[in-house]
């Protein structure tokens, strides 16, 4: 049975949200006319990719510590 931590759960939720934001930003940028403008949408994309990776890494690492 796998145990989980509140930190891991919150980080995984954050990783899911930022991944959705990244995908949405890509679709907005490729549509030609982003709703919030190219600069803001590009900034959201640029910030959400490293946040997704970092939050996912923390979630996995946190859960692995508990399940050793």
Protein backbone atom coordinates (compact mmCIF):
# COMPACT_ATOMS: atom_id res chain seq x y z
CA UNK A 1 0.00 0.00 0.00
CA UNK A 2 1.24 3.45 -0.84
CA UNK A 3 1.28 6.20 1.72
CA UNK A 4 1.13 9.80 0.68
CA UNK A 5 1.98 13.11 2.25
CA UNK A 6 -0.02 16.34 2.25
CA UNK A 7 2.98 18.08 0.65
CA UNK A 8 3.10 15.51 -2.13
CA UNK A 9 -0.62 15.84 -2.76
CA UNK A 10 -0.53 19.63 -2.91
CA UNK A 11 2.52 19.61 -5.18
CA UNK A 12 0.89 17.08 -7.50
CA UNK A 13 -2.24 19.22 -7.68
CA UNK A 14 -0.09 22.25 -8.47
CA UNK A 15 1.78 20.32 -11.16
CA UNK A 16 -1.52 19.35 -12.80
CA UNK A 17 -2.78 22.93 -12.76
CA UNK A 18 0.45 24.37 -14.18
CA UNK A 19 0.57 21.67 -16.87
CA UNK A 20 -2.96 22.61 -17.93
CA UNK A 21 -1.90 26.27 -18.01
CA UNK A 22 1.07 25.38 -20.22
CA UNK A 23 -1.06 23.44 -22.69
CA UNK A 24 -3.65 26.20 -22.77
CA UNK A 25 -0.94 28.79 -23.40
CA UNK A 26 0.43 26.78 -26.31
CA UNK A 27 -3.04 26.59 -27.86
CA UNK A 28 -3.60 30.30 -27.32
CA UNK A 29 -0.25 31.22 -28.88
CA UNK A 30 -0.79 28.99 -31.91
CA UNK A 31 -4.29 30.37 -32.50
CA UNK A 32 -2.75 33.62 -33.73
CA UNK A 33 -4.54 36.04 -31.40
CA UNK A 34 -4.11 35.16 -27.72
CA UNK A 35 -6.89 36.48 -25.51
CA UNK A 36 -4.45 38.04 -23.00
CA UNK A 37 -1.87 39.09 -25.56
CA UNK A 38 1.33 37.44 -26.67
CA UNK A 39 3.50 38.80 -23.85
CA UNK A 40 1.30 37.68 -20.97
CA UNK A 41 0.51 34.30 -22.53
CA UNK A 42 4.19 33.71 -23.31
CA UNK A 43 5.11 34.59 -19.74
CA UNK A 44 2.51 32.16 -18.40
CA UNK A 45 3.96 29.46 -20.65
CA UNK A 46 7.55 30.25 -19.67
CA UNK A 47 6.74 30.09 -15.96
CA UNK A 48 4.41 27.10 -16.02
CA UNK A 49 6.82 24.64 -17.65
CA UNK A 50 9.56 24.78 -14.97
CA UNK A 51 6.92 24.98 -12.24
CA UNK A 52 5.27 21.81 -13.54
CA UNK A 53 8.54 19.91 -13.56
CA UNK A 54 9.61 21.21 -10.16
CA UNK A 55 6.30 20.54 -8.44
CA UNK A 56 6.08 17.05 -9.91
CA UNK A 57 9.64 16.31 -8.76
CA UNK A 58 8.86 17.46 -5.21
CA UNK A 59 5.65 15.39 -5.14
CA UNK A 60 7.41 12.21 -6.25
CA UNK A 61 10.36 12.75 -3.94
CA UNK A 62 8.09 13.42 -0.97
CA UNK A 63 6.09 10.26 -1.59
CA UNK A 64 9.20 8.16 -2.13
CA UNK A 65 10.58 9.25 1.27
CA UNK A 66 7.45 7.98 2.99
CA UNK A 67 7.34 4.68 1.11
CA UNK A 68 10.93 3.53 1.69
